[in-house]
Amino acid sequence: MVPITTDGRLSAKEIIGNKKALTEFQDRFNEYLNKSGYDLERGLPKTLTKDKYEQVSQYKQKTEYHKQEYKHESQKLDHIKQENDKLNLEYQNALKTLKKPLNVPYDFEMEKVGGLFNKEVHETGNVVISQDDFESFKTQIKAAQSISEDYQFVKSGRALKDAEQKFRNSDDELTESKVENEDLIDEFNDLAQRYNQLLDENQKKDKELSDSFKLFQNVFKIIKNVVKEDVYHKLIDHIDNRLESSKMREVMTVDNNDDVFFKQKHKAQEPEIIFEKDRNDGFTL
């Protein structure tokens, strides 16, 4: 299964052909393996499945969107509750102030009238109260005005109309949010289903790849049994220089001698790798 030309080069183009020929070869290879007892499923090209792959960032953003919306709506609801509690507290305080008994001590204002030697004291018609009592009196008047305005607002029917309108608006927002959340949930479920499908496909591909490596390893075992040790090592050395794949090394390692060969090769290459790294790093002060 290794595309080696007669002059020892690796060339899939010369051995197999173009992309179309490679696809046909893979189809025949899959059919051959199934006839040989392997139960492998041939993957379909993207042009047939019409599948669209989601970026991880987009997937996370979509699945987190409904959580952010829920958090935002919860914050709005908490703010409304706080405002309502504040207004209710102000109303209760005003009502409490209004119910407080009004007992303001006062005196009649008096004035002296008449001549220099004949003066009489008369009431002016005004009353005199202390500054503290006057402030308490003003507070009760203010509370009465506040409650009176609320009473007139409720009595006129505007309170009921406003409440009905707010209810309609809230109901519309809730319905709209519910529809959006249902769409997001459906989209999330579709993404989750697609993720599970991709996971199953990857697991199947891993199994196919593992079976293919086993098949390759059997091929290399056959090759080693029909050629000499040094010839086989030259072959796997040539392939290793071309591919530089640790997995391919594992496939080509048939016995302990091959393992020793690759270890010695790696050890011999270490000084070259270190020298190349030092040369790229240059000098630093």
Protein backbone atom coordinates (compact mmCIF):
# COMPACT_ATOMS: atom_id res chain seq x y z
CA MET A 1 0.00 0.00 0.00
CA VAL A 2 3.07 2.29 -0.05
CA PRO A 3 3.27 4.21 -3.39
CA ILE A 4 6.97 3.55 -4.21
CA THR A 5 8.16 4.04 -7.79
CA THR A 6 10.61 1.73 -9.55
CA ASP A 7 13.47 4.12 -8.76
CA GLY A 8 12.67 4.09 -5.01
CA ARG A 9 10.71 7.33 -4.72
CA LEU A 10 7.41 7.85 -2.90
CA SER A 11 4.92 9.22 -5.43
CA ALA A 12 1.20 8.74 -4.95
CA LYS A 13 0.54 10.70 -8.15
CA GLU A 14 2.57 8.31 -10.33
CA ILE A 15 1.31 5.12 -8.66
CA ILE A 16 -2.33 6.03 -7.96
CA GLY A 17 -3.11 9.07 -10.12
CA ASN A 18 -5.17 12.21 -9.49
CA LYS A 19 -7.74 12.88 -6.76
CA LYS A 20 -10.52 11.13 -8.66
CA ALA A 21 -8.40 8.05 -9.15
CA LEU A 22 -7.51 8.09 -5.44
CA THR A 23 -11.21 8.23 -4.52
CA GLU A 24 -11.96 5.28 -6.81
CA PHE A 25 -9.02 3.41 -5.32
CA GLN A 26 -10.34 4.05 -1.80
CA ASP A 27 -13.77 2.77 -2.88
CA ARG A 28 -12.24 -0.42 -4.25
CA PHE A 29 -10.07 -0.77 -1.16
CA ASN A 30 -13.12 -0.45 1.12
CA GLU A 31 -15.02 -3.00 -0.97
CA TYR A 32 -12.07 -5.40 -0.88
CA LEU A 33 -11.75 -5.16 2.93
CA ASN A 34 -15.48 -5.80 3.41
CA LYS A 35 -15.26 -8.87 1.17
CA SER A 36 -12.27 -10.01 3.23
CA GLY A 37 -14.34 -10.04 6.44
CA TYR A 38 -13.91 -6.49 7.72
CA ASP A 39 -17.05 -4.50 8.50
CA LEU A 40 -16.03 -1.00 7.42
CA GLU A 41 -18.31 1.90 6.48
CA ARG A 42 -17.11 4.13 3.65
CA GLY A 43 -17.27 7.81 4.54
CA LEU A 44 -19.35 10.14 2.38
CA PRO A 45 -17.89 13.33 0.86
CA LYS A 46 -19.07 16.70 2.16
CA THR A 47 -20.65 17.51 -1.22
CA LEU A 48 -23.17 14.71 -0.66
CA THR A 49 -23.86 15.11 3.05
CA LYS A 50 -24.24 18.94 2.81
CA ASP A 51 -23.04 19.07 6.42
CA LYS A 52 -21.86 22.37 7.83
CA TYR A 53 -19.30 22.34 10.58
CA GLU A 54 -19.69 24.83 13.42
CA GLN A 55 -16.72 26.64 14.89
CA VAL A 56 -16.26 25.91 18.61
CA SER A 57 -16.57 29.61 19.48
CA GLN A 58 -19.85 29.90 17.53
CA TYR A 59 -21.19 26.72 19.13
CA LYS A 60 -20.43 28.02 22.63
CA GLN A 61 -21.83 31.45 21.83
CA LYS A 62 -25.15 30.01 20.61
CA THR A 63 -25.57 27.61 23.51
CA GLU A 64 -24.79 30.36 26.06
CA TYR A 65 -27.09 32.96 24.48
CA HIS A 66 -30.30 31.78 26.18
CA LYS A 67 -28.52 31.78 29.56
CA GLN A 68 -27.43 35.39 29.04
CA GLU A 69 -30.98 36.38 28.04
CA TYR A 70 -32.41 34.69 31.11
CA LYS A 71 -29.87 36.49 33.32
CA HIS A 72 -30.71 39.84 31.68
CA GLU A 73 -34.47 39.36 32.17
CA SER A 74 -33.91 38.29 35.78
CA GLN A 75 -31.96 41.50 36.45
CA LYS A 76 -34.79 43.58 34.97
CA LEU A 77 -37.31 41.74 37.15
CA ASP A 78 -35.19 42.33 40.27
CA HIS A 79 -35.02 46.06 39.45
CA ILE A 80 -38.81 46.25 39.08
CA LYS A 81 -39.27 44.46 42.40
CA GLN A 82 -36.91 46.89 44.13
CA GLU A 83 -38.78 49.90 42.71
CA ASN A 84 -42.10 48.38 43.75
CA ASP A 85 -40.83 47.72 47.29
CA LYS A 86 -39.55 51.30 47.50
CA LEU A 87 -42.90 52.77 46.41
CA ASN A 88 -44.79 50.48 48.77
CA LEU A 89 -42.58 51.55 51.68
CA GLU A 90 -43.15 55.24 50.87
CA TYR A 91 -46.90 54.67 50.74
CA GLN A 92 -46.95 52.83 54.06
CA ASN A 93 -44.90 55.59 55.70
CA ALA A 94 -47.26 58.24 54.35
CA LEU A 95 -50.28 56.28 55.55
CA LYS A 96 -48.70 55.82 58.97
CA THR A 97 -48.00 59.56 59.20
CA LEU A 98 -51.55 60.41 58.17
CA LYS A 99 -53.06 58.09 60.78
CA LYS A 100 -51.01 59.73 63.53
CA PRO A 101 -53.34 61.77 65.79
CA LEU A 102 -53.15 65.46 65.03
CA ASN A 103 -52.77 67.15 68.41
CA VAL A 104 -51.00 70.44 67.87
CA PRO A 105 -50.97 72.79 70.88
CA TYR A 106 -51.47 76.42 69.99
CA ASP A 107 -52.09 79.87 71.46
CA PHE A 108 -54.15 82.77 70.17
CA GLU A 109 -52.17 85.74 68.94
CA MET A 110 -52.94 88.86 70.95
CA GLU A 111 -52.25 92.54 70.25
CA LYS A 112 -52.60 95.77 72.19
CA VAL A 113 -54.72 98.55 70.76
CA GLY A 114 -55.63 102.04 72.03
CA GLY A 115 -53.86 105.18 73.18
CA LEU A 116 -50.79 105.69 75.27
CA PHE A 117 -52.64 105.49 78.59
CA ASN A 118 -55.67 103.48 77.52
CA LYS A 119 -54.58 100.21 75.84
CA GLU A 120 -56.66 97.06 75.47
CA VAL A 121 -55.58 93.53 74.46
CA HIS A 122 -57.53 91.91 71.61
CA GLU A 123 -57.22 88.64 69.67
CA THR A 124 -55.96 89.03 66.12
CA GLY A 125 -57.68 85.87 64.84
CA ASN A 126 -54.34 84.12 64.29
CA VAL A 127 -52.92 81.25 66.27
CA VAL A 128 -49.32 80.69 67.32
CA ILE A 129 -47.65 77.21 67.31
CA SER A 130 -44.07 76.04 67.85
CA GLN A 131 -41.66 75.40 64.96
CA ASP A 132 -41.49 71.63 65.67
CA ASP A 133 -45.28 71.32 65.75
CA PHE A 134 -45.50 73.28 62.52
CA GLU A 135 -43.04 70.90 60.76
CA SER A 136 -45.00 67.84 61.96
CA PHE A 137 -48.18 69.44 60.70
CA LYS A 138 -46.60 70.04 57.26
CA THR A 139 -45.47 66.40 57.09
CA GLN A 140 -49.00 65.16 57.70
CA ILE A 141 -50.38 67.51 55.07
CA LYS A 142 -47.81 66.24 52.54
CA ALA A 143 -48.72 62.62 53.32
CA ALA A 144 -52.40 63.41 52.92
CA GLN A 145 -51.76 65.01 49.53
CA SER A 146 -49.74 61.98 48.36
CA ILE A 147 -52.42 59.49 49.35
CA SER A 148 -55.15 61.77 48.00
CA GLU A 149 -53.43 61.82 44.58
CA ASP A 150 -53.15 58.04 44.61
CA TYR A 151 -56.81 57.76 45.59
CA GLN A 152 -57.92 60.05 42.77
CA PHE A 153 -55.70 58.10 40.35
CA VAL A 154 -57.32 54.81 41.36
CA LYS A 155 -60.82 56.31 41.46
CA SER A 156 -60.52 57.66 37.91
CA GLY A 157 -59.89 54.16 36.53
CA ARG A 158 -56.48 55.10 35.10
CA ALA A 159 -54.75 52.79 37.56
CA LEU A 160 -56.68 49.81 36.24
CA LYS A 161 -56.04 50.82 32.62
CA ASP A 162 -52.31 51.28 33.25
CA ALA A 163 -52.14 47.94 35.05
CA GLU A 164 -53.95 46.22 32.16
CA GLN A 165 -51.60 47.83 29.62
CA LYS A 166 -48.51 46.82 31.62
CA PHE A 167 -49.90 43.30 31.86
CA ARG A 168 -50.43 43.17 28.09
CA ASN A 169 -46.92 44.48 27.45
CA SER A 170 -45.42 42.02 29.91
CA ASP A 171 -47.47 39.19 28.44
CA ASP A 172 -46.32 40.10 24.92
CA GLU A 173 -42.68 40.28 26.06
CA LEU A 174 -43.04 36.96 27.86
CA THR A 175 -44.60 35.32 24.81
CA GLU A 176 -41.86 36.72 22.56
CA SER A 177 -39.14 35.60 24.98
CA LYS A 178 -40.75 32.18 25.22
CA VAL A 179 -40.74 31.81 21.43
CA GLU A 180 -37.10 32.95 21.26
CA ASN A 181 -36.13 30.57 24.05
CA GLU A 182 -37.95 27.69 22.35
CA ASP A 183 -36.09 28.45 19.12
CA LEU A 184 -32.79 28.57 21.03
CA ILE A 185 -33.59 25.29 22.77
CA ASP A 186 -34.40 23.66 19.42
CA GLU A 187 -31.19 25.05 17.94
CA PHE A 188 -29.22 23.83 20.95
CA ASN A 189 -30.75 20.35 20.61
CA ASP A 190 -29.88 20.30 16.91
CA LEU A 191 -26.29 21.29 17.67
CA ALA A 192 -26.05 18.67 20.40
CA GLN A 193 -27.41 16.03 18.04
CA ARG A 194 -24.95 17.09 15.34
CA TYR A 195 -22.10 16.98 17.86
CA ASN A 196 -23.05 13.42 18.85
CA GLN A 197 -23.20 12.42 15.19
CA LEU A 198 -19.74 13.87 14.56
CA LEU A 199 -18.46 12.09 17.65
CA ASP A 200 -19.82 8.78 16.36
CA GLU A 201 -18.31 9.43 12.94
CA ASN A 202 -14.90 10.22 14.47
CA GLN A 203 -15.03 7.04 16.53
CA LYS A 204 -15.82 5.04 13.40
CA LYS A 205 -12.98 6.75 11.54
CA ASP A 206 -10.60 5.98 14.41
CA LYS A 207 -11.59 2.32 14.16
CA GLU A 208 -11.15 2.37 10.38
CA LEU A 209 -7.74 3.99 10.76
CA SER A 210 -6.72 1.44 13.38
CA ASP A 211 -7.81 -1.42 11.10
CA SER A 212 -5.91 0.16 8.20
CA PHE A 213 -2.73 0.39 10.28
CA LYS A 214 -3.11 -3.27 11.22
CA LEU A 215 -3.44 -4.13 7.54
CA PHE A 216 -0.34 -2.08 6.72
CA GLN A 217 1.57 -3.83 9.49
CA ASN A 218 0.63 -7.22 8.06
CA VAL A 219 1.92 -6.05 4.67
CA PHE A 220 5.27 -5.03 6.19
CA LYS A 221 5.50 -8.38 7.97
CA ILE A 222 5.06 -10.12 4.64
CA ILE A 223 7.71 -7.91 3.03
CA LYS A 224 10.20 -8.60 5.81
CA ASN A 225 9.68 -12.34 5.48
CA VAL A 226 10.64 -12.29 1.79
CA VAL A 227 13.62 -9.89 1.86
CA LYS A 228 16.85 -9.73 3.82
CA GLU A 229 17.17 -7.73 7.04
CA ASP A 230 19.41 -5.02 5.57
CA VAL A 231 17.17 -4.64 2.51
CA TYR A 232 14.11 -4.23 4.72
CA HIS A 233 15.89 -1.66 6.89
CA LYS A 234 16.89 0.33 3.79
CA LEU A 235 13.24 0.28 2.68
CA ILE A 236 11.80 1.45 6.02
CA ASP A 237 14.60 4.02 6.36
CA HIS A 238 13.68 5.45 2.96
CA ILE A 239 9.98 5.58 3.88
CA ASP A 240 10.74 7.11 7.29
CA ASN A 241 12.85 9.87 5.71
CA ARG A 242 9.95 10.73 3.44
CA LEU A 243 7.06 10.57 5.92
CA GLU A 244 8.69 11.37 9.31
CA SER A 245 5.70 9.84 11.09
CA SER A 246 5.98 8.17 14.50
CA LYS A 247 2.82 6.18 13.77
CA MET A 248 4.30 4.91 10.51
CA ARG A 249 7.47 3.90 12.37
CA GLU A 250 5.30 1.89 14.74
CA VAL A 251 3.61 0.16 11.79
CA MET A 252 6.93 -0.66 10.09
CA THR A 253 8.47 -2.04 13.31
CA VAL A 254 7.88 -5.76 12.93
CA ASP A 255 10.31 -7.09 15.55
CA ASN A 256 12.92 -5.98 18.09
CA ASN A 257 15.61 -5.55 15.41
CA ASP A 258 13.50 -2.89 13.71
CA ASP A 259 12.96 -1.14 17.04
CA VAL A 260 16.73 -1.07 17.65
CA PHE A 261 17.28 0.24 14.11
CA PHE A 262 14.97 3.23 14.64
CA LYS A 263 16.45 3.99 18.09
CA GLN A 264 19.97 4.04 16.66
CA LYS A 265 18.82 6.24 13.79
CA HIS A 266 17.16 8.68 16.19
CA LYS A 267 20.26 8.76 18.40
CA ALA A 268 22.46 9.51 15.38
CA GLN A 269 20.15 12.35 14.32
CA GLU A 270 20.09 14.05 17.76
CA PRO A 271 23.37 16.05 17.31
CA GLU A 272 22.10 17.32 13.94
CA ILE A 273 18.80 18.41 15.50
CA ILE A 274 20.55 20.21 18.37
CA PHE A 275 22.98 21.94 15.98
CA GLU A 276 20.11 23.09 13.77
CA LYS A 277 18.26 24.49 16.81
CA ASP A 278 21.35 26.38 18.04
CA ARG A 279 21.95 27.83 14.60
CA ASN A 280 18.37 29.09 14.39
CA ASP A 281 18.53 30.60 17.89
CA GLY A 282 21.67 32.61 17.10
CA PHE A 283 23.65 34.45 19.77
CA THR A 284 22.16 36.41 22.64
CA LEU A 285 23.86 38.82 25.07
